[in-house]
Protein backbone atom coordinates (compact mmCIF):
# COMPACT_ATOMS: atom_id res chain seq x y z
CA MET A 1 -22.03 4.91 9.47
CA LEU A 2 -18.75 6.78 9.08
CA SER A 3 -15.84 5.16 10.89
CA THR A 4 -12.66 7.09 11.68
CA VAL A 5 -9.53 5.02 12.38
CA ILE A 6 -6.84 6.94 14.26
CA PRO A 7 -3.44 5.45 15.08
CA VAL A 8 -2.08 6.81 18.37
CA PHE A 9 1.47 6.89 19.57
CA ASN A 10 2.19 9.20 22.50
CA GLU A 11 -0.55 11.68 21.64
CA VAL A 12 -2.25 12.07 25.05
CA GLU A 13 -2.57 15.88 24.86
CA SER A 14 -4.41 15.94 21.53
CA LEU A 15 -6.97 13.14 21.96
CA PRO A 16 -9.75 15.08 23.79
CA THR A 17 -9.48 17.96 21.30
CA LEU A 18 -9.53 15.64 18.34
CA LEU A 19 -12.64 13.83 19.58
CA ARG A 20 -14.39 17.16 20.20
CA GLU A 21 -13.65 18.33 16.66
CA LEU A 22 -14.89 15.03 15.20
CA ASP A 23 -18.06 15.35 17.28
CA GLU A 24 -18.69 18.87 16.02
CA VAL A 25 -18.43 17.78 12.39
CA ALA A 26 -20.68 14.76 12.96
CA ARG A 27 -23.36 16.82 14.72
CA ALA A 28 -23.27 19.57 12.11
CA ARG A 29 -23.60 17.10 9.19
CA GLY A 30 -25.76 14.47 10.86
CA TYR A 31 -23.24 11.67 10.53
CA GLU A 32 -23.52 8.43 12.46
CA LEU A 33 -19.95 8.46 13.75
CA GLU A 34 -17.65 5.73 15.03
CA VAL A 35 -14.17 6.62 16.36
CA VAL A 36 -11.56 3.85 16.61
CA PHE A 37 -8.38 4.81 18.45
CA VAL A 38 -5.50 2.33 18.09
CA ASP A 39 -2.82 2.77 20.72
CA ASP A 40 0.39 1.63 19.10
CA GLY A 41 2.42 1.02 22.29
CA SER A 42 2.21 4.53 23.76
CA THR A 43 4.11 5.23 26.99
CA ASP A 44 2.67 8.65 27.90
CA GLY A 45 -0.80 7.73 29.17
CA SER A 46 -2.54 7.80 25.82
CA TRP A 47 -4.34 4.50 26.60
CA GLU A 48 -5.73 5.86 29.86
CA ALA A 49 -7.03 8.86 27.93
CA ILE A 50 -8.65 6.58 25.32
CA ARG A 51 -10.34 4.55 28.08
CA GLN A 52 -11.73 7.73 29.67
CA LEU A 53 -13.09 8.93 26.33
CA ALA A 54 -14.70 5.55 25.63
CA ALA A 55 -16.29 5.52 29.10
CA VAL A 56 -18.18 8.77 28.42
CA ASP A 57 -18.82 8.40 24.66
CA PRO A 58 -20.25 5.13 23.30
CA ARG A 59 -19.08 5.99 19.79
CA VAL A 60 -15.43 5.59 20.85
CA ARG A 61 -13.69 2.26 20.61
CA GLY A 62 -10.15 1.60 21.73
CA ILE A 63 -7.52 -0.96 20.73
CA ARG A 64 -4.23 -1.28 22.63
CA PHE A 65 -1.15 -3.03 21.29
CA ARG A 66 1.24 -4.70 23.71
CA ARG A 67 4.11 -2.80 22.14
CA ASN A 68 4.83 -0.56 19.12
CA PHE A 69 4.08 -2.49 15.93
CA GLY A 70 4.01 0.41 13.47
CA LYS A 71 1.39 2.44 11.73
CA ALA A 72 0.49 -0.20 9.17
CA ALA A 73 -0.36 -2.67 11.89
CA ALA A 74 -2.40 -0.02 13.74
CA LEU A 75 -4.40 0.79 10.61
CA ALA A 76 -4.96 -2.90 9.87
CA ALA A 77 -6.29 -3.47 13.38
CA GLY A 78 -8.51 -0.41 13.08
CA PHE A 79 -9.86 -1.47 9.72
CA ALA A 80 -10.73 -4.91 11.11
CA THR A 81 -12.64 -3.28 13.93
CA ALA A 82 -14.41 -0.44 12.10
CA ARG A 83 -18.03 -1.11 11.13
CA GLY A 84 -18.76 1.81 8.80
CA GLU A 85 -19.29 1.53 5.05
CA LEU A 86 -16.97 4.55 4.72
CA VAL A 87 -13.74 4.66 6.70
CA MET A 88 -11.65 7.79 7.29
CA THR A 89 -8.06 7.70 8.52
CA LEU A 90 -6.34 10.66 10.09
CA ASP A 91 -3.41 11.29 12.40
CA ALA A 92 -3.89 11.98 16.09
CA ASP A 93 -1.54 15.00 16.27
CA LEU A 94 -4.24 17.52 15.18
CA GLN A 95 -2.37 18.46 11.99
CA ASP A 96 -5.21 16.83 10.04
CA ASP A 97 -8.37 18.94 10.21
CA PRO A 98 -11.61 16.98 10.81
CA ALA A 99 -13.51 19.85 9.14
CA GLU A 100 -12.24 18.43 5.80
CA ILE A 101 -14.28 15.18 6.26
CA PRO A 102 -17.39 16.42 4.35
CA ARG A 103 -15.21 17.24 1.33
CA PHE A 104 -13.79 13.72 1.39
CA LEU A 105 -17.27 12.23 1.43
CA ALA A 106 -18.40 14.49 -1.39
CA ARG A 107 -15.43 13.31 -3.47
CA ILE A 108 -16.18 9.69 -2.68
CA ALA A 109 -19.72 10.24 -3.91
CA GLU A 110 -18.23 11.06 -7.36
CA HIS A 111 -17.85 7.29 -8.00
CA LEU A 112 -14.44 7.01 -6.35
CA ASP A 113 -13.31 4.26 -3.98
CA VAL A 114 -10.29 5.93 -2.40
CA VAL A 115 -9.71 9.63 -1.78
CA SER A 116 -6.31 10.78 -0.56
CA GLY A 117 -5.53 14.15 0.94
CA TRP A 118 -2.93 16.50 -0.55
CA LYS A 119 -1.20 18.82 1.92
CA GLN A 120 -0.37 21.41 -0.71
CA VAL A 121 0.84 23.88 1.92
CA ARG A 122 2.69 21.99 4.64
CA HIS A 123 3.70 23.25 8.08
CA ASP A 124 6.67 20.93 8.44
CA PRO A 125 10.45 21.55 8.43
CA TRP A 126 12.19 21.54 5.04
CA HIS A 127 14.18 18.38 5.79
CA LYS A 128 10.83 16.54 6.03
CA VAL A 129 9.08 18.27 3.13
CA PHE A 130 11.86 18.00 0.52
CA PRO A 131 12.43 14.22 0.76
CA SER A 132 8.67 13.72 0.83
CA ARG A 133 8.26 15.50 -2.51
CA ILE A 134 10.99 13.43 -4.09
CA PHE A 135 9.44 10.27 -2.71
CA ASN A 136 5.96 11.20 -4.00
CA GLY A 137 7.40 11.85 -7.48
CA MET A 138 9.10 8.48 -7.49
CA VAL A 139 5.96 6.64 -6.40
CA SER A 140 3.80 8.38 -9.00
CA GLY A 141 6.33 7.69 -11.73
CA LEU A 142 6.92 4.03 -10.96
CA THR A 143 3.36 2.99 -10.10
CA GLY A 144 1.31 5.21 -12.44
CA VAL A 145 -0.89 6.40 -9.56
CA ARG A 146 -0.59 10.15 -9.87
CA LEU A 147 -1.00 11.59 -6.40
CA HIS A 148 0.82 14.59 -4.97
CA ASP A 149 0.95 13.26 -1.40
CA HIS A 150 0.98 9.47 -1.10
CA ASN A 151 2.00 9.63 2.57
CA CYS A 152 -0.83 11.86 3.72
CA GLY A 153 -2.47 10.24 6.77
CA MET A 154 -5.91 11.65 5.90
CA LYS A 155 -7.71 9.34 3.48
CA CYS A 156 -11.20 7.98 2.91
CA TYR A 157 -12.02 4.45 1.76
CA ARG A 158 -15.02 2.43 0.82
CA ARG A 159 -15.41 -0.72 2.91
CA GLU A 160 -14.79 -3.11 -0.02
CA VAL A 161 -11.32 -1.61 -0.58
CA LEU A 162 -10.17 -2.53 2.88
CA GLY A 163 -11.36 -6.09 2.40
CA GLU A 164 -9.00 -6.60 -0.54
CA VAL A 165 -5.88 -4.70 0.50
CA ARG A 166 -3.59 -6.34 3.04
CA LEU A 167 -1.29 -4.18 5.14
CA TYR A 168 1.99 -5.22 6.69
CA GLY A 169 5.41 -3.74 7.32
CA GLU A 170 5.19 -0.08 6.37
CA LEU A 171 2.92 -0.37 3.34
CA HIS A 172 0.28 1.97 4.83
CA ARG A 173 1.51 4.81 2.64
CA PHE A 174 0.87 2.73 -0.48
CA VAL A 175 -2.78 1.81 0.12
CA PRO A 176 -3.97 3.92 -2.87
CA VAL A 177 -1.42 2.15 -5.08
CA LEU A 178 -2.41 -1.29 -3.86
CA ALA A 179 -6.11 -0.40 -4.30
CA HIS A 180 -5.50 0.92 -7.80
CA ALA A 181 -3.76 -2.35 -8.70
CA ARG A 182 -7.01 -4.16 -7.75
CA GLY A 183 -9.03 -1.95 -10.07
CA PHE A 184 -10.41 0.57 -7.55
CA ARG A 185 -10.77 4.22 -8.54
CA VAL A 186 -8.46 6.62 -6.73
CA GLY A 187 -8.59 10.42 -6.44
CA GLU A 188 -7.35 13.23 -4.22
CA ILE A 189 -8.34 16.61 -2.79
CA VAL A 190 -6.32 19.52 -1.47
CA ILE A 191 -6.66 19.78 2.33
CA SER A 192 -5.50 22.22 4.97
CA HIS A 193 -2.48 21.19 7.02
CA ARG A 194 -2.31 22.69 10.50
CA PRO A 195 0.88 23.42 12.49
CA ARG A 196 1.83 20.85 15.10
CA ARG A 197 0.50 21.73 18.55
CA PHE A 198 1.58 18.75 20.60
CA GLY A 199 4.33 16.12 20.53
CA ARG A 200 6.96 15.69 17.86
CA SER A 201 7.31 13.99 14.48
CA LYS A 202 7.75 10.20 14.58
CA TYR A 203 9.74 10.07 11.33
CA GLY A 204 13.44 10.63 10.74
CA VAL A 205 15.89 10.52 7.86
CA GLY A 206 15.87 6.72 7.87
CA ARG A 207 12.32 6.84 6.55
CA VAL A 208 13.69 7.82 3.10
CA VAL A 209 15.63 4.56 2.74
CA LYS A 210 12.81 2.45 4.11
CA GLY A 211 10.33 4.21 1.87
CA PHE A 212 12.41 3.47 -1.23
CA LEU A 213 12.72 -0.23 -0.33
CA ASP A 214 8.98 -0.38 0.31
CA LEU A 215 8.39 1.26 -3.03
CA LEU A 216 10.37 -1.49 -4.78
CA THR A 217 8.27 -4.05 -2.87
CA VAL A 218 5.01 -2.46 -3.92
CA LYS A 219 6.17 -2.18 -7.54
CA PHE A 220 6.99 -5.90 -7.54
CA LEU A 221 3.74 -6.87 -5.76
CA THR A 222 1.48 -4.84 -8.07
CA GLY A 223 3.35 -5.72 -11.24
CA PHE A 224 4.49 -9.30 -10.68
CA GLY A 225 2.81 -10.49 -7.48
CA GLN A 226 1.02 -13.31 -9.30
CA ARG A 227 3.78 -13.99 -11.86
CA PRO A 228 7.15 -13.52 -10.13
CA GLN A 229 9.00 -15.57 -12.73
CA HIS A 230 8.26 -12.91 -15.31
CA ALA A 231 10.46 -10.48 -13.34
CA LEU A 232 13.07 -12.78 -11.80
CA GLY A 233 13.23 -15.13 -14.78
CA THR A 234 13.68 -12.32 -17.29
CA VAL A 235 16.61 -10.81 -15.43
CA GLY A 236 18.02 -14.24 -14.73
CA LEU A 237 17.76 -15.36 -18.34
CA GLY A 238 19.56 -12.24 -19.42
CA PHE A 239 22.50 -12.94 -17.10
CA PHE A 240 22.45 -16.64 -18.01
CA VAL A 241 22.70 -15.90 -21.73
CA LEU A 242 25.39 -13.27 -21.15
CA GLY A 243 27.45 -15.73 -19.10
CA GLY A 244 26.93 -18.50 -21.65
CA LEU A 245 28.07 -16.27 -24.50
CA GLY A 246 31.10 -15.24 -22.48
CA LEU A 247 32.07 -18.85 -21.75
CA GLY A 248 31.53 -19.77 -25.38
CA TYR A 249 33.88 -17.04 -26.49
CA LEU A 250 36.47 -18.09 -23.88
CA THR A 251 36.22 -21.71 -25.06
CA ILE A 252 37.14 -20.65 -28.57
CA TYR A 253 39.88 -18.45 -27.11
CA TRP A 254 41.32 -21.39 -25.13
CA ILE A 255 41.38 -23.60 -28.23
CA ALA A 256 43.26 -20.84 -30.07
CA THR A 257 45.86 -20.67 -27.30
CA GLN A 258 46.44 -24.42 -27.58
CA LEU A 259 46.59 -24.60 -31.33
CA ARG A 260 48.42 -21.34 -32.00
CA PRO A 261 50.95 -20.73 -29.16
CA GLU A 262 52.96 -18.53 -31.52
CA TRP A 263 50.21 -15.91 -31.34
CA GLY A 264 51.23 -15.12 -27.78
CA LEU A 265 47.73 -15.00 -26.43
CA VAL A 266 47.19 -14.27 -22.70
CA PRO A 267 46.61 -17.50 -20.73
CA LEU A 268 42.99 -18.15 -19.98
CA HIS A 269 43.45 -18.14 -16.19
CA ASP A 270 44.71 -14.56 -16.46
CA ARG A 271 41.57 -13.32 -18.18
CA PRO A 272 39.07 -11.53 -15.87
CA ALA A 273 36.34 -12.43 -18.33
CA VAL A 274 36.41 -15.96 -16.95
CA LEU A 275 35.18 -14.81 -13.51
CA TYR A 276 32.66 -12.38 -15.01
CA SER A 277 31.20 -15.06 -17.27
CA LEU A 278 30.96 -17.68 -14.52
CA GLY A 279 29.43 -15.09 -12.16
CA ALA A 280 26.83 -14.08 -14.72
CA LEU A 281 26.00 -17.73 -15.49
CA LEU A 282 25.56 -18.62 -11.80
CA LEU A 283 23.59 -15.45 -11.00
CA GLY A 284 21.24 -16.10 -13.93
CA GLY A 285 20.67 -19.70 -12.83
CA GLN A 286 19.99 -18.62 -9.25
CA LEU A 287 17.49 -15.94 -10.27
CA MET A 288 15.56 -18.35 -12.47
CA SER A 289 15.60 -20.95 -9.69
CA ILE A 290 14.20 -18.40 -7.21
CA GLY A 291 11.58 -17.50 -9.76
CA PHE A 292 10.48 -21.12 -10.05
CA LEU A 293 10.27 -21.45 -6.27
CA ALA A 294 8.23 -18.24 -6.09
CA GLU A 295 5.85 -19.62 -8.71
CA LEU A 296 5.42 -22.81 -6.64
CA ILE A 297 4.64 -20.76 -3.56
CA ILE A 298 2.07 -18.67 -5.45
CA ALA A 299 0.51 -21.77 -6.99
CA TYR A 300 0.03 -23.65 -3.69
CA GLN A 301 -0.54 -20.85 -1.20
CA GLY A 302 -2.48 -18.59 -3.50
CA ARG A 303 -5.41 -20.99 -3.75
CA ASP A 304 -7.26 -19.26 -0.90
CA SER A 305 -6.90 -15.72 -2.27
CA ASP A 306 -8.58 -14.26 -5.34
CA THR A 307 -6.41 -12.88 -8.10
CA TYR A 308 -9.22 -10.63 -9.26
CA SER A 309 -11.60 -8.01 -7.85
CA ILE A 310 -15.34 -8.05 -8.65
CA GLY A 311 -17.09 -4.71 -8.84
CA GLU A 312 -20.64 -5.80 -9.61
CA ILE A 313 -22.64 -8.90 -10.57
CA THR A 314 -25.83 -8.93 -12.59
CA GLN A 315 -28.79 -10.96 -11.31
CA PRO A 316 -30.65 -13.41 -13.58
CA HIS A 317 -33.99 -12.15 -14.91
CA ASP A 318 -37.05 -13.89 -13.49
CA ARG A 319 -39.15 -14.74 -16.55
CA SER A 320 -41.96 -16.17 -14.43
CA ALA A 321 -42.84 -12.63 -13.40
CA ASP A 322 -43.26 -11.67 -17.03
CA VAL A 323 -45.64 -14.59 -17.61
CA GLU A 324 -47.82 -13.65 -14.64
CA CYS A 325 -47.98 -10.04 -15.67
CA GLY A 326 -48.57 -10.75 -19.38
CA PRO A 327 -51.92 -10.67 -21.26
CA ALA A 328 -54.56 -13.10 -19.99
CA SER A 329 -54.98 -14.61 -23.44
CA ARG A 330 -51.39 -15.92 -23.38
CA GLU A 331 -51.13 -19.12 -21.39
CA PRO A 332 -47.74 -20.52 -20.61
CA ARG A 333 -46.98 -23.94 -22.13
């Protein structure tokens, strides 16, 4: 079964057309299709449209949020509901072309676990395309997952990926990065990007700032999620040592001012280095303390979650079958 998870937010005009296009692809390729629409607090009648589609097509399933919780929450709810071994995600605004689905499945068959779309030619305004390219370059550089379009809504996943990647906040655009950190194989394909026919873009300039903060979160989670003290403690230790060295120097300086007043040294309370050294010492101590607390949280709350990802397990060989099938002259002892 192929499941498609589609977040919906005020997309009432496009839903019937999208379902028809998905149906055409499924019929042409012989797919067993499941369509999961997740209404993320729409106010334009999208839920009524989903209910009507589900009433006439048993392959359609609908989920309605009580209010707008964001795309990551919508995808997480859809993933929990979807039953297919392969799960496609695409946007509901018809800019993602369902005709690309067979190419995603062919790429998945090449021993990949996640396939992300790359909208090489985009039909979006420049103020949306330019920041997106900068953002994609930053994500690829900081995480090591070299994709041209991390934020593309059209992706394909194997079921086991979704069982190990937890979405919250706005981390939906980093699913390939989180999957790669768990050892899954990630790839991409170039897809067609159609002009917008209905509605308007849900993203503004503020997405750039939020995306950068989320990138720092993902970098920390994938690099130090199970060992936070290695990050916080390293920075804290650096500040602590710097502050200690500064105070040590100032101590010697103060002794010199007491023993050698004829040198005319500046009084210690007039030296800005005192505040800088104390600030560095306190900041270093705080960072290391936060690191220890984070380690305690990981140690006690991380007992129910695996810190590894198993790809395959070998089964023990049944030697009794060899004895039964062996030569009759050999009797087991």
